[in-house]
Amino acid sequence: MRAIPLFLAACLLVVAGCASVGSGAHDPDVLATALANPARSDADRERDGRDHPADVLALANFRPGMTIADIFGGGGYYSEIIAGIVGAKGQVRLINNPSYDGYAKKGLATRLADNRLPNVHYEVSPPDKMALGNATLDGALIVMSYHDLYVNDPSDNWPGIDASQFIDQIVAGLKHGGVLLIVDHQARAGSGKSDSQALHRIEDTYAIADFKAHGLDFISSIPVLRNSGDDHSLNVFNPAIRGKTDRFVHLYRKP
């Protein structure tokens, strides 16, 4: 058999290595295992039926060893699931601002008690100083809180946020190829961000344009949380629609 030249053998090794990163590195069962963890609470399992985290997180394809930022993650529902995905060699940064911390403090005390999630690091920081650094994150997510960037309501302990600077921090923090997962409540067609304050909704097309303007590529969306019965006229906390809103699920990537 004719010997393969040394330089060609090296090239073949590089190609093989790249193929393994793209296909073999992901365990298709890791998400299912994280969701099936018996340590998860009954309340979280009940929420699974409304929020379909198996489908939502499958879109992001987070993997073991990654560092993921759960931004405005509230009580940490998604952080706990992702902690099971990224494993002991990975890290979840659960980041709230002071307002979200006040809202979520009680639930977080239970979720993080006795270091039960050792790879989840809880941080409270002002929205203009999240300390995400440069190229430190494999991924990030903002679930049903992206619209809050466009809310200014001091009466509800919610000061205005510089949305552009906030998004720039996330983009800078993502590694090249890193992804941003967005889930939020759909607003009326043509309304853009104008329903953010009164209804806590934002338009999906506005989101796409917003993140593209900050240098992210829109990759895909899934319809798993869509609800055609929601006419987008009600505040998302209205009992008639709460937990059943029409929601969009988007994935973006940093080039």
Protein backbone atom coordinates (compact mmCIF):
# COMPACT_ATOMS: atom_id res chain seq x y z
CA MET A 1 0.00 0.00 0.00
CA ARG A 2 1.41 3.37 -0.98
CA ALA A 3 2.32 5.61 1.98
CA ILE A 4 0.32 8.80 2.48
CA PRO A 5 2.54 11.89 2.36
CA LEU A 6 3.06 13.45 5.78
CA PHE A 7 1.42 16.77 4.92
CA LEU A 8 -1.66 14.98 3.49
CA ALA A 9 -1.97 12.83 6.63
CA ALA A 10 -1.91 15.98 8.73
CA CYS A 11 -4.66 17.52 6.61
CA LEU A 12 -6.80 14.43 7.01
CA LEU A 13 -6.39 14.59 10.78
CA VAL A 14 -7.52 18.23 10.80
CA VAL A 15 -10.60 17.40 8.71
CA ALA A 16 -11.46 14.46 10.96
CA GLY A 17 -11.09 16.66 14.02
CA CYS A 18 -13.40 19.29 12.60
CA ALA A 19 -16.01 16.65 11.77
CA SER A 20 -15.97 15.36 15.33
CA VAL A 21 -16.53 18.84 16.73
CA GLY A 22 -19.50 19.40 14.48
CA SER A 23 -21.25 16.09 15.00
CA GLY A 24 -19.78 13.84 17.65
CA ALA A 25 -19.41 16.35 20.50
CA HIS A 26 -23.13 16.61 21.20
CA ASP A 27 -24.84 13.95 23.31
CA PRO A 28 -28.45 13.84 22.07
CA ASP A 29 -29.59 12.57 25.47
CA VAL A 30 -28.01 15.26 27.65
CA LEU A 31 -31.03 17.58 27.48
CA ALA A 32 -33.47 14.76 28.22
CA THR A 33 -31.33 13.70 31.17
CA ALA A 34 -31.27 17.24 32.55
CA LEU A 35 -35.06 17.53 32.29
CA ALA A 36 -35.59 14.13 33.90
CA ASN A 37 -33.38 14.93 36.89
CA PRO A 38 -35.41 13.83 39.96
CA ALA A 39 -34.02 16.78 41.92
CA ARG A 40 -36.10 19.21 39.84
CA SER A 41 -39.11 20.63 41.66
CA ASP A 42 -42.75 19.79 41.01
CA ALA A 43 -43.34 23.46 40.15
CA ASP A 44 -40.66 23.35 37.46
CA ARG A 45 -42.08 20.16 35.99
CA GLU A 46 -45.52 21.75 35.87
CA ARG A 47 -44.02 24.73 34.04
CA ASP A 48 -42.46 22.37 31.49
CA GLY A 49 -45.94 21.71 30.14
CA ARG A 50 -46.40 25.40 29.33
CA ASP A 51 -42.90 26.36 28.23
CA HIS A 52 -41.70 23.24 26.35
CA PRO A 53 -38.03 23.59 27.38
CA ALA A 54 -37.06 20.42 25.52
CA ASP A 55 -37.90 22.07 22.19
CA VAL A 56 -36.68 25.54 23.14
CA LEU A 57 -33.29 24.41 24.41
CA ALA A 58 -32.82 21.92 21.58
CA LEU A 59 -32.80 24.93 19.23
CA ALA A 60 -29.85 26.45 21.11
CA ASN A 61 -27.93 23.15 21.22
CA PHE A 62 -26.06 23.99 24.42
CA ARG A 63 -23.52 21.27 25.22
CA PRO A 64 -21.38 19.95 28.08
CA GLY A 65 -18.50 22.21 29.09
CA MET A 66 -20.05 25.42 27.79
CA THR A 67 -20.40 28.74 29.63
CA ILE A 68 -23.93 30.12 29.27
CA ALA A 69 -25.38 33.40 30.57
CA ASP A 70 -29.04 33.29 31.66
CA ILE A 71 -29.71 37.02 31.51
CA PHE A 72 -32.62 38.37 33.56
CA GLY A 73 -33.11 34.72 34.44
CA GLY A 74 -35.37 35.53 37.38
CA GLY A 75 -35.87 32.52 39.63
CA GLY A 76 -33.51 30.30 37.62
CA TYR A 77 -35.92 27.85 36.00
CA TYR A 78 -33.82 27.69 32.83
CA SER A 79 -30.53 27.99 34.70
CA GLU A 80 -31.17 24.73 36.53
CA ILE A 81 -31.93 22.85 33.31
CA ILE A 82 -28.88 24.27 31.55
CA ALA A 83 -26.71 23.44 34.56
CA GLY A 84 -27.56 19.81 33.91
CA ILE A 85 -26.66 20.19 30.24
CA VAL A 86 -23.28 21.91 30.61
CA GLY A 87 -22.26 19.67 33.51
CA ALA A 88 -19.48 19.99 36.03
CA LYS A 89 -17.02 21.34 33.46
CA GLY A 90 -19.47 24.00 32.31
CA GLN A 91 -20.89 27.08 33.96
CA VAL A 92 -24.17 28.98 34.05
CA ARG A 93 -24.09 32.67 34.90
CA LEU A 94 -27.54 33.56 36.22
CA ILE A 95 -27.66 37.35 35.98
CA ASN A 96 -30.39 39.57 37.42
CA ASN A 97 -30.52 43.30 37.91
CA PRO A 98 -31.61 44.57 41.37
CA SER A 99 -35.27 44.70 40.31
CA TYR A 100 -35.33 41.09 39.11
CA ASP A 101 -33.40 40.05 42.21
CA GLY A 102 -36.13 41.48 44.42
CA TYR A 103 -38.80 39.69 42.44
CA ALA A 104 -37.01 36.34 42.35
CA LYS A 105 -35.18 36.29 45.69
CA LYS A 106 -37.49 33.86 47.49
CA GLY A 107 -37.48 31.27 44.72
CA LEU A 108 -33.74 31.58 44.24
CA ALA A 109 -33.07 30.98 47.92
CA THR A 110 -34.64 27.55 47.57
CA ARG A 111 -33.16 26.74 44.17
CA LEU A 112 -29.61 27.60 45.17
CA ALA A 113 -29.75 26.43 48.80
CA ASP A 114 -26.86 24.30 50.12
CA ASN A 115 -24.94 24.70 46.86
CA ARG A 116 -27.31 22.27 45.11
CA LEU A 117 -26.34 23.76 41.74
CA PRO A 118 -22.58 24.23 42.10
CA ASN A 119 -22.04 25.23 38.47
CA VAL A 120 -24.63 28.04 38.64
CA HIS A 121 -23.12 31.36 39.64
CA TYR A 122 -25.69 33.93 40.71
CA GLU A 123 -24.92 37.57 40.01
CA VAL A 124 -26.80 40.80 40.67
CA SER A 125 -25.55 43.71 38.63
CA PRO A 126 -26.85 46.94 37.11
CA PRO A 127 -27.85 46.40 33.49
CA ASP A 128 -25.11 48.67 32.18
CA LYS A 129 -22.37 46.73 34.02
CA MET A 130 -23.01 43.01 33.57
CA ALA A 131 -19.27 42.24 33.36
CA LEU A 132 -19.70 39.77 30.51
CA GLY A 133 -16.20 40.49 29.23
CA ASN A 134 -15.05 39.77 25.71
CA ALA A 135 -15.62 36.38 24.08
CA THR A 136 -16.27 34.60 27.39
CA LEU A 137 -19.64 33.02 26.54
CA ASP A 138 -20.57 30.08 24.36
CA GLY A 139 -24.20 31.14 24.58
CA ALA A 140 -26.76 33.33 26.29
CA LEU A 141 -30.52 33.45 26.64
CA ILE A 142 -33.16 36.01 27.56
CA VAL A 143 -36.52 34.39 28.22
CA MET A 144 -39.60 36.62 28.30
CA SER A 145 -37.51 39.59 29.44
CA TYR A 146 -36.12 41.07 26.21
CA HIS A 147 -39.12 43.42 26.03
CA ASP A 148 -38.12 44.83 29.44
CA LEU A 149 -35.23 46.61 27.75
CA TYR A 150 -37.85 48.99 26.40
CA VAL A 151 -39.80 49.54 29.63
CA ASN A 152 -39.32 52.61 31.81
CA ASP A 153 -41.53 52.48 34.90
CA PRO A 154 -39.97 53.96 38.07
CA SER A 155 -43.28 53.45 39.90
CA ASP A 156 -42.72 49.70 39.56
CA ASN A 157 -39.05 49.88 40.56
CA TRP A 158 -37.99 49.49 36.94
CA PRO A 159 -35.66 52.24 35.72
CA GLY A 160 -35.09 52.73 32.01
CA ILE A 161 -32.35 50.66 30.37
CA ASP A 162 -30.07 51.70 27.54
CA ALA A 163 -31.14 48.81 25.31
CA SER A 164 -28.42 49.35 22.72
CA GLN A 165 -25.63 49.32 25.29
CA PHE A 166 -27.18 46.29 26.99
CA ILE A 167 -27.26 44.27 23.76
CA ASP A 168 -23.73 45.39 22.89
CA GLN A 169 -22.50 43.86 26.16
CA ILE A 170 -24.03 40.51 25.18
CA VAL A 171 -22.59 40.61 21.67
CA ALA A 172 -19.14 41.43 23.04
CA GLY A 173 -19.44 38.64 25.60
CA LEU A 174 -20.27 35.98 23.02
CA LYS A 175 -17.49 34.04 21.38
CA HIS A 176 -17.48 33.94 17.59
CA GLY A 177 -20.06 31.30 16.77
CA GLY A 178 -21.76 31.78 20.13
CA VAL A 179 -25.56 31.86 20.16
CA LEU A 180 -28.27 33.97 21.74
CA LEU A 181 -31.67 32.39 22.44
CA ILE A 182 -34.65 34.75 22.76
CA VAL A 183 -38.18 33.88 23.89
CA ASP A 184 -40.75 36.64 24.26
CA HIS A 185 -44.42 37.57 24.05
CA GLN A 186 -45.57 38.49 20.55
CA ALA A 187 -47.01 41.97 19.99
CA ARG A 188 -49.45 43.31 17.41
CA ALA A 189 -48.26 43.45 13.81
CA GLY A 190 -46.60 46.78 13.13
CA SER A 191 -46.29 47.74 16.80
CA GLY A 192 -42.54 47.21 17.07
CA LYS A 193 -41.52 47.89 20.67
CA SER A 194 -44.40 50.23 21.49
CA ASP A 195 -46.41 47.66 23.49
CA SER A 196 -43.48 46.75 25.72
CA GLN A 197 -44.50 48.91 28.64
CA ALA A 198 -48.29 48.63 28.64
CA LEU A 199 -48.64 44.99 27.55
CA HIS A 200 -45.14 43.51 28.11
CA ARG A 201 -45.03 42.43 24.48
CA ILE A 202 -42.65 43.07 21.59
CA GLU A 203 -42.91 42.25 17.91
CA ASP A 204 -40.82 39.39 16.53
CA THR A 205 -39.82 41.33 13.43
CA TYR A 206 -38.57 44.17 15.63
CA ALA A 207 -36.40 41.69 17.55
CA ILE A 208 -34.83 40.37 14.35
CA ALA A 209 -33.98 43.87 13.14
CA ASP A 210 -32.74 44.87 16.59
CA PHE A 211 -30.25 42.03 17.00
CA LYS A 212 -29.14 42.21 13.38
CA ALA A 213 -28.35 45.89 13.92
CA HIS A 214 -26.01 44.83 16.72
CA GLY A 215 -24.11 42.36 14.55
CA LEU A 216 -25.88 39.06 15.19
CA ASP A 217 -27.17 36.76 12.46
CA PHE A 218 -30.73 35.48 12.74
CA ILE A 219 -30.45 31.71 12.43
CA SER A 220 -33.89 30.22 12.94
CA SER A 221 -37.13 30.15 14.90
CA ILE A 222 -39.54 27.46 16.04
CA PRO A 223 -43.33 27.68 16.46
CA VAL A 224 -43.62 25.53 19.59
CA LEU A 225 -44.88 28.41 21.78
CA ARG A 226 -47.12 30.04 19.19
CA ASN A 227 -50.81 30.50 20.04
CA SER A 228 -53.12 31.73 17.29
CA GLY A 229 -55.84 32.28 19.90
CA ASP A 230 -53.93 35.19 21.41
CA ASP A 231 -54.92 38.40 19.60
CA HIS A 232 -52.05 40.34 21.25
CA SER A 233 -54.40 42.89 22.83
CA LEU A 234 -54.06 41.83 26.49
CA ASN A 235 -51.35 42.45 29.03
CA VAL A 236 -49.45 39.18 29.43
CA PHE A 237 -50.33 39.11 33.15
CA ASN A 238 -54.06 39.21 32.44
CA PRO A 239 -55.55 35.96 33.85
CA ALA A 240 -57.32 35.33 30.55
CA ILE A 241 -54.01 34.86 28.72
CA ARG A 242 -51.30 34.45 31.36
CA GLY A 243 -49.18 31.39 30.65
CA LYS A 244 -50.82 30.99 27.23
CA THR A 245 -49.50 33.96 25.27
CA ASP A 246 -48.35 33.76 21.69
CA ARG A 247 -44.56 33.60 22.06
CA PHE A 248 -41.74 33.62 19.54
CA VAL A 249 -38.54 31.61 19.95
CA HIS A 250 -35.51 32.93 18.06
CA LEU A 251 -31.89 31.86 17.74
CA TYR A 252 -29.13 34.30 16.79
CA ARG A 253 -25.42 33.70 16.23
CA LYS A 254 -22.34 35.90 16.44
CA PRO A 255 -20.39 35.59 13.18
